[in-house]
Amino acid sequence: MYDFGELLKQLRKEKGYSQEQLAQKINKSKSLVSKYENNQKLPTLETLIDLSILFDVSLDFLAGKDKGKTITVNHLTSSQIDIIYALMKEFHSHKPKYVTKGLTTRQLEIFNGLIIEFTKIQ
C-alpha cells in the first residue's frame, strides 16, 4: 500500500536531512513537514514539484505510480548526456548470448567514453 509520508521520510533520510533542514529547503515549517510524514496533510502541487527537484525523483514517483528514480541531466554537456544514455541502454538491454566474466567490449567502450567526457575541463 502506498504511503506518501513514509516515502517522504525515506527520501529525506537518504539525503541525510532532518525535518528542519528539509523544511528550510522547501520553504515550509518543520511542523508541516512532520504533518506530511505522518500523513496528516498532503503537500500542494507546488511543494510536490519542489520535492521532486530536491530529491531528483519524478512526480509520478512521489505519487506512488512510478517505482524508479529519475536522473537529472541539468548542467551536463550534450556529450555527457549521450554517454549516460548509452550506458543505461547498454545495461538495461544487455542479454549476453554467452555468460562471460567481466564487461563486454561495448561496455568497456562506453565506460572509456564516460571517463573521457566527465574528466574534460570545461
PDB file of N, CA and C in Angstrom:
ATOM      1  N   MET A   1       0.837  -1.185   0.000  1.00  0.00           N
ATOM      2  CA  MET A   1       0.000   0.000   0.000  1.00  0.00           C
ATOM      3  C   MET A   1       0.882   1.249   0.000  1.00  0.00           C
ATOM      4  N   TYR A   2       0.490   2.248  -0.774  1.00  0.00           N
ATOM      5  CA  TYR A   2       1.250   3.484  -0.920  1.00  0.00           C
ATOM      6  C   TYR A   2       1.124   4.350   0.330  1.00  0.00           C
ATOM      7  N   ASP A   3       2.252   4.879   0.785  1.00  0.00           N
ATOM      8  CA  ASP A   3       2.291   5.721   1.976  1.00  0.00           C
ATOM      9  C   ASP A   3       3.204   6.906   1.681  1.00  0.00           C
ATOM     10  N   PHE A   4       2.594   8.055   1.307  1.00  0.00           N
ATOM     11  CA  PHE A   4       3.389   9.226   0.957  1.00  0.00           C
ATOM     12  C   PHE A   4       4.306   9.642   2.100  1.00  0.00           C
ATOM     13  N   GLY A   5       3.780   9.662   3.298  1.00  0.00           N
ATOM     14  CA  GLY A   5       4.573  10.091   4.450  1.00  0.00           C
ATOM     15  C   GLY A   5       5.820   9.258   4.637  1.00  0.00           C
ATOM     16  N   GLU A   6       5.681   7.952   4.499  1.00  0.00           N
ATOM     17  CA  GLU A   6       6.828   7.056   4.648  1.00  0.00           C
ATOM     18  C   GLU A   6       7.826   7.276   3.514  1.00  0.00           C
ATOM     19  N   LEU A   7       7.322   7.481   2.300  1.00  0.00           N
ATOM     20  CA  LEU A   7       8.198   7.750   1.161  1.00  0.00           C
ATOM     21  C   LEU A   7       8.987   9.035   1.385  1.00  0.00           C
ATOM     22  N   LEU A   8       8.312  10.086   1.832  1.00  0.00           N
ATOM     23  CA  LEU A   8       8.986  11.354   2.086  1.00  0.00           C
ATOM     24  C   LEU A   8      10.051  11.195   3.168  1.00  0.00           C
ATOM     25  N   LYS A   9       9.726  10.484   4.219  1.00  0.00           N
ATOM     26  CA  LYS A   9      10.681  10.263   5.305  1.00  0.00           C
ATOM     27  C   LYS A   9      11.906   9.497   4.785  1.00  0.00           C
ATOM     28  N   GLN A  10      11.663   8.491   3.956  1.00  0.00           N
ATOM     29  CA  GLN A  10      12.761   7.707   3.380  1.00  0.00           C
ATOM     30  C   GLN A  10      13.654   8.580   2.502  1.00  0.00           C
ATOM     31  N   LEU A  11      13.053   9.387   1.634  1.00  0.00           N
ATOM     32  CA  LEU A  11      13.833  10.268   0.766  1.00  0.00           C
ATOM     33  C   LEU A  11      14.636  11.272   1.592  1.00  0.00           C
ATOM     34  N   ARG A  12      14.001  11.817   2.623  1.00  0.00           N
ATOM     35  CA  ARG A  12      14.671  12.788   3.491  1.00  0.00           C
ATOM     36  C   ARG A  12      15.877  12.155   4.174  1.00  0.00           C
ATOM     37  N   LYS A  13      15.697  10.957   4.696  1.00  0.00           N
ATOM     38  CA  LYS A  13      16.793  10.285   5.400  1.00  0.00           C
ATOM     39  C   LYS A  13      17.915   9.875   4.449  1.00  0.00           C
ATOM     40  N   GLU A  14      17.557   9.472   3.213  1.00  0.00           N
ATOM     41  CA  GLU A  14      18.583   9.134   2.219  1.00  0.00           C
ATOM     42  C   GLU A  14      19.496  10.321   1.944  1.00  0.00           C
ATOM     43  N   LYS A  15      18.941  11.514   1.983  1.00  0.00           N
ATOM     44  CA  LYS A  15      19.736  12.734   1.764  1.00  0.00           C
ATOM     45  C   LYS A  15      20.428  13.194   3.038  1.00  0.00           C
ATOM     46  N   GLY A  16      20.072  12.594   4.168  1.00  0.00           N
ATOM     47  CA  GLY A  16      20.681  12.975   5.436  1.00  0.00           C
ATOM     48  C   GLY A  16      20.118  14.254   6.022  1.00  0.00           C
ATOM     49  N   TYR A  17      18.892  14.609   5.637  1.00  0.00           N
ATOM     50  CA  TYR A  17      18.272  15.826   6.125  1.00  0.00           C
ATOM     51  C   TYR A  17      17.443  15.550   7.380  1.00  0.00           C
ATOM     52  N   SER A  18      17.455  16.491   8.285  1.00  0.00           N
ATOM     53  CA  SER A  18      16.499  16.476   9.388  1.00  0.00           C
ATOM     54  C   SER A  18      15.198  17.066   8.850  1.00  0.00           C
ATOM     55  N   GLN A  19      14.118  16.951   9.617  1.00  0.00           N
ATOM     56  CA  GLN A  19      12.870  17.590   9.199  1.00  0.00           C
ATOM     57  C   GLN A  19      13.065  19.102   9.084  1.00  0.00           C
ATOM     58  N   GLU A  20      13.832  19.659   9.988  1.00  0.00           N
ATOM     59  CA  GLU A  20      14.100  21.101   9.971  1.00  0.00           C
ATOM     60  C   GLU A  20      14.848  21.499   8.695  1.00  0.00           C
ATOM     61  N   GLN A  21      15.864  20.718   8.320  1.00  0.00           N
ATOM     62  CA  GLN A  21      16.632  21.020   7.107  1.00  0.00           C
ATOM     63  C   GLN A  21      15.757  20.905   5.860  1.00  0.00           C
ATOM     64  N   LEU A  22      14.934  19.860   5.811  1.00  0.00           N
ATOM     65  CA  LEU A  22      14.033  19.712   4.666  1.00  0.00           C
ATOM     66  C   LEU A  22      13.068  20.892   4.604  1.00  0.00           C
ATOM     67  N   ALA A  23      12.523  21.261   5.732  1.00  0.00           N
ATOM     68  CA  ALA A  23      11.589  22.388   5.782  1.00  0.00           C
ATOM     69  C   ALA A  23      12.233  23.662   5.229  1.00  0.00           C
ATOM     70  N   GLN A  24      13.475  23.919   5.605  1.00  0.00           N
ATOM     71  CA  GLN A  24      14.172  25.104   5.113  1.00  0.00           C
ATOM     72  C   GLN A  24      14.363  25.030   3.605  1.00  0.00           C
ATOM     73  N   LYS A  25      14.708  23.841   3.101  1.00  0.00           N
ATOM     74  CA  LYS A  25      14.979  23.699   1.671  1.00  0.00           C
ATOM     75  C   LYS A  25      13.731  23.904   0.811  1.00  0.00           C
ATOM     76  N   ILE A  26      12.560  23.572   1.353  1.00  0.00           N
ATOM     77  CA  ILE A  26      11.329  23.745   0.578  1.00  0.00           C
ATOM     78  C   ILE A  26      10.494  24.931   1.080  1.00  0.00           C
ATOM     79  N   ASN A  27      11.108  25.718   1.972  1.00  0.00           N
ATOM     80  CA  ASN A  27      10.480  26.946   2.478  1.00  0.00           C
ATOM     81  C   ASN A  27       9.141  26.666   3.175  1.00  0.00           C
ATOM     82  N   LYS A  28       9.165  25.651   4.016  1.00  0.00           N
ATOM     83  CA  LYS A  28       7.991  25.284   4.821  1.00  0.00           C
ATOM     84  C   LYS A  28       8.419  25.170   6.274  1.00  0.00           C
ATOM     85  N   SER A  29       7.461  24.992   7.160  1.00  0.00           N
ATOM     86  CA  SER A  29       7.789  24.833   8.580  1.00  0.00           C
ATOM     87  C   SER A  29       8.095  23.363   8.889  1.00  0.00           C
ATOM     88  N   LYS A  30       8.855  23.158   9.952  1.00  0.00           N
ATOM     89  CA  LYS A  30       9.167  21.806  10.398  1.00  0.00           C
ATOM     90  C   LYS A  30       7.884  21.057  10.753  1.00  0.00           C
ATOM     91  N   SER A  31       6.940  21.756  11.378  1.00  0.00           N
ATOM     92  CA  SER A  31       5.691  21.089  11.766  1.00  0.00           C
ATOM     93  C   SER A  31       4.899  20.637  10.542  1.00  0.00           C
ATOM     94  N   LEU A  32       4.981  21.395   9.440  1.00  0.00           N
ATOM     95  CA  LEU A  32       4.291  20.994   8.218  1.00  0.00           C
ATOM     96  C   LEU A  32       4.955  19.759   7.618  1.00  0.00           C
ATOM     97  N   VAL A  33       6.282  19.717   7.614  1.00  0.00           N
ATOM     98  CA  VAL A  33       6.996  18.533   7.133  1.00  0.00           C
ATOM     99  C   VAL A  33       6.600  17.323   7.977  1.00  0.00           C
ATOM    100  N   SER A  34       6.500  17.500   9.287  1.00  0.00           N
ATOM    101  CA  SER A  34       6.073  16.420  10.175  1.00  0.00           C
ATOM    102  C   SER A  34       4.668  15.940   9.812  1.00  0.00           C
ATOM    103  N   LYS A  35       3.782  16.877   9.503  1.00  0.00           N
ATOM    104  CA  LYS A  35       2.421  16.502   9.102  1.00  0.00           C
ATOM    105  C   LYS A  35       2.424  15.732   7.783  1.00  0.00           C
ATOM    106  N   TYR A  36       3.302  16.127   6.849  1.00  0.00           N
ATOM    107  CA  TYR A  36       3.421  15.369   5.597  1.00  0.00           C
ATOM    108  C   TYR A  36       3.860  13.935   5.896  1.00  0.00           C
ATOM    109  N   GLU A  37       4.877  13.793   6.735  1.00  0.00           N
ATOM    110  CA  GLU A  37       5.428  12.469   7.030  1.00  0.00           C
ATOM    111  C   GLU A  37       4.463  11.593   7.824  1.00  0.00           C
ATOM    112  N   ASN A  38       3.563  12.205   8.563  1.00  0.00           N
ATOM    113  CA  ASN A  38       2.574  11.450   9.342  1.00  0.00           C
ATOM    114  C   ASN A  38       1.232  11.344   8.625  1.00  0.00           C
ATOM    115  N   ASN A  39       1.214  11.730   7.335  1.00  0.00           N
ATOM    116  CA  ASN A  39       0.018  11.669   6.500  1.00  0.00           C
ATOM    117  C   ASN A  39      -1.163  12.431   7.103  1.00  0.00           C
ATOM    118  N   GLN A  40      -0.856  13.500   7.805  1.00  0.00           N
ATOM    119  CA  GLN A  40      -1.911  14.351   8.350  1.00  0.00           C
ATOM    120  C   GLN A  40      -2.269  15.470   7.381  1.00  0.00           C
ATOM    121  N   LYS A  41      -1.371  15.715   6.433  1.00  0.00           N
ATOM    122  CA  LYS A  41      -1.590  16.760   5.437  1.00  0.00           C
ATOM    123  C   LYS A  41      -0.840  16.363   4.170  1.00  0.00           C
ATOM    124  N   LEU A  42      -1.413  16.704   3.015  1.00  0.00           N
ATOM    125  CA  LEU A  42      -0.750  16.442   1.746  1.00  0.00           C
ATOM    126  C   LEU A  42      -0.172  17.743   1.196  1.00  0.00           C
ATOM    127  N   PRO A  43       1.014  17.664   0.584  1.00  0.00           N
ATOM    128  CA  PRO A  43       1.611  18.875   0.019  1.00  0.00           C
ATOM    129  C   PRO A  43       0.854  19.362  -1.211  1.00  0.00           C
ATOM    130  N   THR A  44       0.984  20.642  -1.478  1.00  0.00           N
ATOM    131  CA  THR A  44       0.409  21.226  -2.692  1.00  0.00           C
ATOM    132  C   THR A  44       1.216  20.750  -3.893  1.00  0.00           C
ATOM    133  N   LEU A  45       0.683  20.979  -5.080  1.00  0.00           N
ATOM    134  CA  LEU A  45       1.410  20.625  -6.298  1.00  0.00           C
ATOM    135  C   LEU A  45       2.743  21.372  -6.360  1.00  0.00           C
ATOM    136  N   GLU A  46       2.736  22.631  -5.989  1.00  0.00           N
ATOM    137  CA  GLU A  46       3.976  23.419  -5.989  1.00  0.00           C
ATOM    138  C   GLU A  46       5.024  22.783  -5.074  1.00  0.00           C
ATOM    139  N   THR A  47       4.606  22.346  -3.894  1.00  0.00           N
ATOM    140  CA  THR A  47       5.531  21.701  -2.953  1.00  0.00           C
ATOM    141  C   THR A  47       5.995  20.353  -3.495  1.00  0.00           C
ATOM    142  N   LEU A  48       5.094  19.602  -4.128  1.00  0.00           N
ATOM    143  CA  LEU A  48       5.491  18.322  -4.729  1.00  0.00           C
ATOM    144  C   LEU A  48       6.547  18.532  -5.811  1.00  0.00           C
ATOM    145  N   ILE A  49       6.395  19.590  -6.591  1.00  0.00           N
ATOM    146  CA  ILE A  49       7.393  19.907  -7.617  1.00  0.00           C
ATOM    147  C   ILE A  49       8.726  20.229  -6.955  1.00  0.00           C
ATOM    148  N   ASP A  50       8.696  21.024  -5.896  1.00  0.00           N
ATOM    149  CA  ASP A  50       9.930  21.347  -5.167  1.00  0.00           C
ATOM    150  C   ASP A  50      10.587  20.075  -4.622  1.00  0.00           C
ATOM    151  N   LEU A  51       9.781  19.172  -4.081  1.00  0.00           N
ATOM    152  CA  LEU A  51      10.317  17.912  -3.541  1.00  0.00           C
ATOM    153  C   LEU A  51      10.903  17.044  -4.662  1.00  0.00           C
ATOM    154  N   SER A  52      10.232  17.007  -5.804  1.00  0.00           N
ATOM    155  CA  SER A  52      10.730  16.176  -6.903  1.00  0.00           C
ATOM    156  C   SER A  52      12.078  16.688  -7.402  1.00  0.00           C
ATOM    157  N   ILE A  53      12.246  17.993  -7.438  1.00  0.00           N
ATOM    158  CA  ILE A  53      13.524  18.583  -7.852  1.00  0.00           C
ATOM    159  C   ILE A  53      14.589  18.327  -6.795  1.00  0.00           C
ATOM    160  N   LEU A  54      14.249  18.539  -5.552  1.00  0.00           N
ATOM    161  CA  LEU A  54      15.198  18.353  -4.459  1.00  0.00           C
ATOM    162  C   LEU A  54      15.704  16.919  -4.374  1.00  0.00           C
ATOM    163  N   PHE A  55      14.799  15.958  -4.532  1.00  0.00           N
ATOM    164  CA  PHE A  55      15.169  14.544  -4.379  1.00  0.00           C
ATOM    165  C   PHE A  55      15.472  13.849  -5.706  1.00  0.00           C
ATOM    166  N   ASP A  56      15.429  14.588  -6.817  1.00  0.00           N
ATOM    167  CA  ASP A  56      15.688  14.017  -8.139  1.00  0.00           C
ATOM    168  C   ASP A  56      14.795  12.816  -8.433  1.00  0.00           C
ATOM    169  N   VAL A  57      13.505  12.980  -8.180  1.00  0.00           N
ATOM    170  CA  VAL A  57      12.524  11.948  -8.493  1.00  0.00           C
ATOM    171  C   VAL A  57      11.402  12.589  -9.302  1.00  0.00           C
ATOM    172  N   SER A  58      10.622  11.770  -9.972  1.00  0.00           N
ATOM    173  CA  SER A  58       9.510  12.291 -10.761  1.00  0.00           C
ATOM    174  C   SER A  58       8.297  12.522  -9.872  1.00  0.00           C
ATOM    175  N   LEU A  59       7.372  13.298 -10.381  1.00  0.00           N
ATOM    176  CA  LEU A  59       6.102  13.481  -9.673  1.00  0.00           C
ATOM    177  C   LEU A  59       5.357  12.148  -9.603  1.00  0.00           C
ATOM    178  N   ASP A  60       5.472  11.341 -10.646  1.00  0.00           N
ATOM    179  CA  ASP A  60       4.868  10.007 -10.621  1.00  0.00           C
ATOM    180  C   ASP A  60       5.424   9.184  -9.470  1.00  0.00           C
ATOM    181  N   PHE A  61       6.720   9.279  -9.242  1.00  0.00           N
ATOM    182  CA  PHE A  61       7.342   8.550  -8.135  1.00  0.00           C
ATOM    183  C   PHE A  61       6.773   9.022  -6.806  1.00  0.00           C
ATOM    184  N   LEU A  62       6.660  10.336  -6.628  1.00  0.00           N
ATOM    185  CA  LEU A  62       6.109  10.872  -5.386  1.00  0.00           C
ATOM    186  C   LEU A  62       4.643  10.474  -5.196  1.00  0.00           C
ATOM    187  N   ALA A  63       3.940  10.280  -6.304  1.00  0.00           N
ATOM    188  CA  ALA A  63       2.529   9.889  -6.240  1.00  0.00           C
ATOM    189  C   ALA A  63       2.350   8.380  -6.117  1.00  0.00           C
ATOM    190  N   GLY A  64       3.463   7.639  -6.110  1.00  0.00           N
ATOM    191  CA  GLY A  64       3.373   6.197  -5.965  1.00  0.00           C
ATOM    192  C   GLY A  64       3.075   5.452  -7.246  1.00  0.00           C
ATOM    193  N   LYS A  65       3.156   6.122  -8.390  1.00  0.00           N
ATOM    194  CA  LYS A  65       2.845   5.494  -9.673  1.00  0.00           C
ATOM    195  C   LYS A  65       4.068   4.945 -10.385  1.00  0.00           C
ATOM    196  N   ASP A  66       5.225   5.483 -10.070  1.00  0.00           N
ATOM    197  CA  ASP A  66       6.471   5.084 -10.725  1.00  0.00           C
ATOM    198  C   ASP A  66       7.421   4.624  -9.646  1.00  0.00           C
ATOM    199  N   LYS A  67       7.982   3.445  -9.813  1.00  0.00           N
ATOM    200  CA  LYS A  67       8.837   2.885  -8.772  1.00  0.00           C
ATOM    201  C   LYS A  67      10.304   3.269  -8.920  1.00  0.00           C
ATOM    202  N   GLY A  68      10.662   3.927 -10.018  1.00  0.00           N
ATOM    203  CA  GLY A  68      12.057   4.273 -10.239  1.00  0.00           C
ATOM    204  C   GLY A  68      12.344   5.734  -9.996  1.00  0.00           C
ATOM    205  N   LYS A  69      13.595   6.026  -9.835  1.00  0.00           N
ATOM    206  CA  LYS A  69      14.022   7.412  -9.668  1.00  0.00           C
ATOM    207  C   LYS A  69      14.448   7.958 -11.018  1.00  0.00           C
ATOM    208  N   THR A  70      14.455   9.261 -11.121  1.00  0.00           N
ATOM    209  CA  THR A  70      14.869   9.901 -12.353  1.00  0.00           C
ATOM    210  C   THR A  70      16.337  10.297 -12.262  1.00  0.00           C
ATOM    211  N   ILE A  71      16.915  10.516 -13.413  1.00  0.00           N
ATOM    212  CA  ILE A  71      18.279  11.013 -13.479  1.00  0.00           C
ATOM    213  C   ILE A  71      18.204  12.439 -14.008  1.00  0.00           C
ATOM    214  N   THR A  72      18.730  13.357 -13.260  1.00  0.00           N
ATOM    215  CA  THR A  72      18.739  14.751 -13.674  1.00  0.00           C
ATOM    216  C   THR A  72      20.004  15.019 -14.476  1.00  0.00           C
ATOM    217  N   VAL A  73      19.822  15.541 -15.673  1.00  0.00           N
ATOM    218  CA  VAL A  73      20.969  15.803 -16.539  1.00  0.00           C
ATOM    219  C   VAL A  73      21.236  17.293 -16.693  1.00  0.00           C
ATOM    220  N   ASN A  74      20.570  18.080 -15.861  1.00  0.00           N
ATOM    221  CA  ASN A  74      20.840  19.522 -15.876  1.00  0.00           C
ATOM    222  C   ASN A  74      22.323  19.747 -15.622  1.00  0.00           C
ATOM    223  N   HIS A  75      22.883  20.722 -16.279  1.00  0.00           N
ATOM    224  CA  HIS A  75      24.280  21.128 -16.119  1.00  0.00           C
ATOM    225  C   HIS A  75      25.270  20.137 -16.731  1.00  0.00           C
ATOM    226  N   LEU A  76      24.799  19.157 -17.485  1.00  0.00           N
ATOM    227  CA  LEU A  76      25.709  18.258 -18.194  1.00  0.00           C
ATOM    228  C   LEU A  76      25.782  18.698 -19.653  1.00  0.00           C
ATOM    229  N   THR A  77      26.893  18.405 -20.292  1.00  0.00           N
ATOM    230  CA  THR A  77      27.026  18.702 -21.718  1.00  0.00           C
ATOM    231  C   THR A  77      26.236  17.674 -22.510  1.00  0.00           C
ATOM    232  N   SER A  78      25.981  17.969 -23.769  1.00  0.00           N
ATOM    233  CA  SER A  78      25.242  17.013 -24.603  1.00  0.00           C
ATOM    234  C   SER A  78      26.032  15.715 -24.772  1.00  0.00           C
ATOM    235  N   SER A  79      27.352  15.795 -24.817  1.00  0.00           N
ATOM    236  CA  SER A  79      28.177  14.579 -24.915  1.00  0.00           C
ATOM    237  C   SER A  79      28.067  13.743 -23.650  1.00  0.00           C
ATOM    238  N   GLN A  80      28.038  14.394 -22.494  1.00  0.00           N
ATOM    239  CA  GLN A  80      27.892  13.668 -21.228  1.00  0.00           C
ATOM    240  C   GLN A  80      26.513  13.005 -21.146  1.00  0.00           C
ATOM    241  N   ILE A  81      25.495  13.707 -21.587  1.00  0.00           N
ATOM    242  CA  ILE A  81      24.143  13.136 -21.591  1.00  0.00           C
ATOM    243  C   ILE A  81      24.086  11.935 -22.519  1.00  0.00           C
ATOM    244  N   ASP A  82      24.685  12.052 -23.701  1.00  0.00           N
ATOM    245  CA  ASP A  82      24.702  10.938 -24.656  1.00  0.00           C
ATOM    246  C   ASP A  82      25.362   9.700 -24.066  1.00  0.00           C
ATOM    247  N   ILE A  83      26.469   9.878 -23.370  1.00  0.00           N
ATOM    248  CA  ILE A  83      27.182   8.726 -22.812  1.00  0.00           C
ATOM    249  C   ILE A  83      26.394   8.101 -21.660  1.00  0.00           C
ATOM    250  N   ILE A  84      25.695   8.922 -20.872  1.00  0.00           N
ATOM    251  CA  ILE A  84      24.844   8.402 -19.796  1.00  0.00           C
ATOM    252  C   ILE A  84      23.725   7.547 -20.392  1.00  0.00           C
ATOM    253  N   TYR A  85      23.076   8.046 -21.442  1.00  0.00           N
ATOM    254  CA  TYR A  85      22.005   7.282 -22.083  1.00  0.00           C
ATOM    255  C   TYR A  85      22.526   5.995 -22.717  1.00  0.00           C
ATOM    256  N   ALA A  86      23.706   6.054 -23.322  1.00  0.00           N
ATOM    257  CA  ALA A  86      24.300   4.846 -23.900  1.00  0.00           C
ATOM    258  C   ALA A  86      24.572   3.810 -22.810  1.00  0.00           C
ATOM    259  N   LEU A  87      25.069   4.261 -21.686  1.00  0.00           N
ATOM    260  CA  LEU A  87      25.345   3.368 -20.559  1.00  0.00           C
ATOM    261  C   LEU A  87      24.056   2.724 -20.054  1.00  0.00           C
ATOM    262  N   MET A  88      23.023   3.525 -19.875  1.00  0.00           N
ATOM    263  CA  MET A  88      21.739   2.994 -19.404  1.00  0.00           C
ATOM    264  C   MET A  88      21.168   1.987 -20.400  1.00  0.00           C
ATOM    265  N   LYS A  89      21.205   2.342 -21.665  1.00  0.00           N
ATOM    266  CA  LYS A  89      20.660   1.453 -22.702  1.00  0.00           C
ATOM    267  C   LYS A  89      21.417   0.132 -22.733  1.00  0.00           C
ATOM    268  N   GLU A  90      22.718   0.212 -22.658  1.00  0.00           N
ATOM    269  CA  GLU A  90      23.546  -0.997 -22.720  1.00  0.00           C
ATOM    270  C   GLU A  90      23.245  -1.942 -21.553  1.00  0.00           C
ATOM    271  N   PHE A  91      23.122  -1.415 -20.376  1.00  0.00           N
ATOM    272  CA  PHE A  91      22.931  -2.283 -19.219  1.00  0.00           C
ATOM    273  C   PHE A  91      21.476  -2.705 -19.024  1.00  0.00           C
ATOM    274  N   HIS A  92      20.531  -1.953 -19.571  1.00  0.00           N
ATOM    275  CA  HIS A  92      19.132  -2.374 -19.484  1.00  0.00           C
ATOM    276  C   HIS A  92      18.809  -3.428 -20.529  1.00  0.00           C
ATOM    277  N   SER A  93      19.454  -3.350 -21.675  1.00  0.00           N
ATOM    278  CA  SER A  93      19.104  -4.260 -22.766  1.00  0.00           C
ATOM    279  C   SER A  93      20.124  -5.368 -22.961  1.00  0.00           C
ATOM    280  N   HIS A  94      21.202  -5.354 -22.195  1.00  0.00           N
ATOM    281  CA  HIS A  94      22.267  -6.335 -22.409  1.00  0.00           C
ATOM    282  C   HIS A  94      21.845  -7.723 -21.934  1.00  0.00           C
ATOM    283  N   LYS A  95      21.686  -8.603 -22.894  1.00  0.00           N
ATOM    284  CA  LYS A  95      21.388 -10.000 -22.593  1.00  0.00           C
ATOM    285  C   LYS A  95      22.410 -10.835 -23.363  1.00  0.00           C
ATOM    286  N   PRO A  96      23.505 -11.172 -22.715  1.00  0.00           N
ATOM    287  CA  PRO A  96      24.580 -11.859 -23.434  1.00  0.00           C
ATOM    288  C   PRO A  96      24.156 -13.245 -23.920  1.00  0.00           C
ATOM    289  N   LYS A  97      24.671 -13.605 -25.096  1.00  0.00           N
ATOM    290  CA  LYS A  97      24.436 -14.944 -25.624  1.00  0.00           C
ATOM    291  C   LYS A  97      25.240 -15.960 -24.834  1.00  0.00           C
ATOM    292  N   TYR A  98      26.373 -15.508 -24.344  1.00  0.00           N
ATOM    293  CA  TYR A  98      27.254 -16.379 -23.584  1.00  0.00           C
ATOM    294  C   TYR A  98      27.543 -15.723 -22.239  1.00  0.00           C
ATOM    295  N   VAL A  99      27.621 -16.518 -21.228  1.00  0.00           N
ATOM    296  CA  VAL A  99      27.968 -15.987 -19.912  1.00  0.00           C
ATOM    297  C   VAL A  99      29.473 -15.789 -19.882  1.00  0.00           C
ATOM    298  N   THR A 100      29.878 -14.555 -19.606  1.00  0.00           N
ATOM    299  CA  THR A 100      31.301 -14.247 -19.560  1.00  0.00           C
ATOM    300  C   THR A 100      31.606 -13.518 -18.266  1.00  0.00           C
ATOM    301  N   LYS A 101      32.862 -13.526 -17.910  1.00  0.00           N
ATOM    302  CA  LYS A 101      33.293 -12.741 -16.762  1.00  0.00           C
ATOM    303  C   LYS A 101      33.677 -11.363 -17.268  1.00  0.00           C
ATOM    304  N   GLY A 102      33.370 -10.364 -16.480  1.00  0.00           N
ATOM    305  CA  GLY A 102      33.771  -9.009 -16.849  1.00  0.00           C
ATOM    306  C   GLY A 102      32.797  -8.343 -17.794  1.00  0.00           C
ATOM    307  N   LEU A 103      33.274  -7.266 -18.403  1.00  0.00           N
ATOM    308  CA  LEU A 103      32.449  -6.443 -19.268  1.00  0.00           C
ATOM    309  C   LEU A 103      32.659  -6.799 -20.730  1.00  0.00           C
ATOM    310  N   THR A 104      31.642  -6.523 -21.539  1.00  0.00           N
ATOM    311  CA  THR A 104      31.765  -6.724 -22.977  1.00  0.00           C
ATOM    312  C   THR A 104      32.620  -5.592 -23.550  1.00  0.00           C
ATOM    313  N   THR A 105      33.047  -5.767 -24.782  1.00  0.00           N
ATOM    314  CA  THR A 105      33.824  -4.731 -25.457  1.00  0.00           C
ATOM    315  C   THR A 105      33.023  -3.442 -25.542  1.00  0.00           C
ATOM    316  N   ARG A 106      31.743  -3.544 -25.854  1.00  0.00           N
ATOM    317  CA  ARG A 106      30.888  -2.358 -25.952  1.00  0.00           C
ATOM    318  C   ARG A 106      30.786  -1.646 -24.601  1.00  0.00           C
ATOM    319  N   GLN A 107      30.626  -2.404 -23.528  1.00  0.00           N
ATOM    320  CA  GLN A 107      30.539  -1.804 -22.200  1.00  0.00           C
ATOM    321  C   GLN A 107      31.843  -1.095 -21.834  1.00  0.00           C
ATOM    322  N   LEU A 108      32.974  -1.706 -22.179  1.00  0.00           N
ATOM    323  CA  LEU A 108      34.265  -1.072 -21.924  1.00  0.00           C
ATOM    324  C   LEU A 108      34.400   0.232 -22.715  1.00  0.00           C
ATOM    325  N   GLU A 109      33.916   0.227 -23.963  1.00  0.00           N
ATOM    326  CA  GLU A 109      33.956   1.441 -24.782  1.00  0.00           C
ATOM    327  C   GLU A 109      33.114   2.557 -24.145  1.00  0.00           C
ATOM    328  N   ILE A 110      31.947   2.181 -23.634  1.00  0.00           N
ATOM    329  CA  ILE A 110      31.070   3.177 -23.001  1.00  0.00           C
ATOM    330  C   ILE A 110      31.730   3.742 -21.747  1.00  0.00           C
ATOM    331  N   PHE A 111      32.290   2.869 -20.920  1.00  0.00           N
ATOM    332  CA  PHE A 111      32.958   3.343 -19.710  1.00  0.00           C
ATOM    333  C   PHE A 111      34.152   4.231 -20.043  1.00  0.00           C
ATOM    334  N   ASN A 112      34.884   3.883 -21.082  1.00  0.00           N
ATOM    335  CA  ASN A 112      36.001   4.718 -21.505  1.00  0.00           C
ATOM    336  C   ASN A 112      35.489   6.097 -21.923  1.00  0.00           C
ATOM    337  N   GLY A 113      34.402   6.125 -22.699  1.00  0.00           N
ATOM    338  CA  GLY A 113      33.815   7.399 -23.107  1.00  0.00           C
ATOM    339  C   GLY A 113      33.317   8.193 -21.913  1.00  0.00           C
ATOM    340  N   LEU A 114      32.767   7.507 -20.947  1.00  0.00           N
ATOM    341  CA  LEU A 114      32.285   8.158 -19.730  1.00  0.00           C
ATOM    342  C   LEU A 114      33.434   8.847 -18.998  1.00  0.00           C
ATOM    343  N   ILE A 115      34.529   8.153 -18.844  1.00  0.00           N
ATOM    344  CA  ILE A 115      35.697   8.715 -18.160  1.00  0.00           C
ATOM    345  C   ILE A 115      36.219   9.930 -18.928  1.00  0.00           C
ATOM    346  N   ILE A 116      36.311   9.813 -20.234  1.00  0.00           N
ATOM    347  CA  ILE A 116      36.809  10.923 -21.055  1.00  0.00           C
ATOM    348  C   ILE A 116      35.884  12.140 -20.936  1.00  0.00           C
ATOM    349  N   GLU A 117      34.581  11.928 -21.070  1.00  0.00           N
ATOM    350  CA  GLU A 117      33.641  13.059 -21.043  1.00  0.00           C
ATOM    351  C   GLU A 117      33.559  13.740 -19.691  1.00  0.00           C
ATOM    352  N   PHE A 118      33.652  12.978 -18.621  1.00  0.00           N
ATOM    353  CA  PHE A 118      33.495  13.570 -17.305  1.00  0.00           C
ATOM    354  C   PHE A 118      34.801  14.068 -16.692  1.00  0.00           C
ATOM    355  N   THR A 119      35.913  13.844 -17.369  1.00  0.00           N
ATOM    356  CA  THR A 119      37.164  14.387 -16.869  1.00  0.00           C
ATOM    357  C   THR A 119      37.672  15.537 -17.720  1.00  0.00           C
ATOM    358  N   LYS A 120      36.915  15.900 -18.764  1.00  0.00           N
ATOM    359  CA  LYS A 120      37.277  17.065 -19.571  1.00  0.00           C
ATOM    360  C   LYS A 120      37.145  18.323 -18.726  1.00  0.00           C
ATOM    361  N   ILE A 121      38.067  19.220 -18.912  1.00  0.00           N
ATOM    362  CA  ILE A 121      37.993  20.512 -18.233  1.00  0.00           C
ATOM    363  C   ILE A 121      37.071  21.394 -19.050  1.00  0.00           C
ATOM    364  N   GLN A 122      36.037  21.883 -18.414  1.00  0.00           N
ATOM    365  CA  GLN A 122      35.012  22.677 -19.100  1.00  0.00           C
ATOM    366  C   GLN A 122      35.387  24.150 -19.089  1.00  0.00           C
TER     367      GLN A 122
END
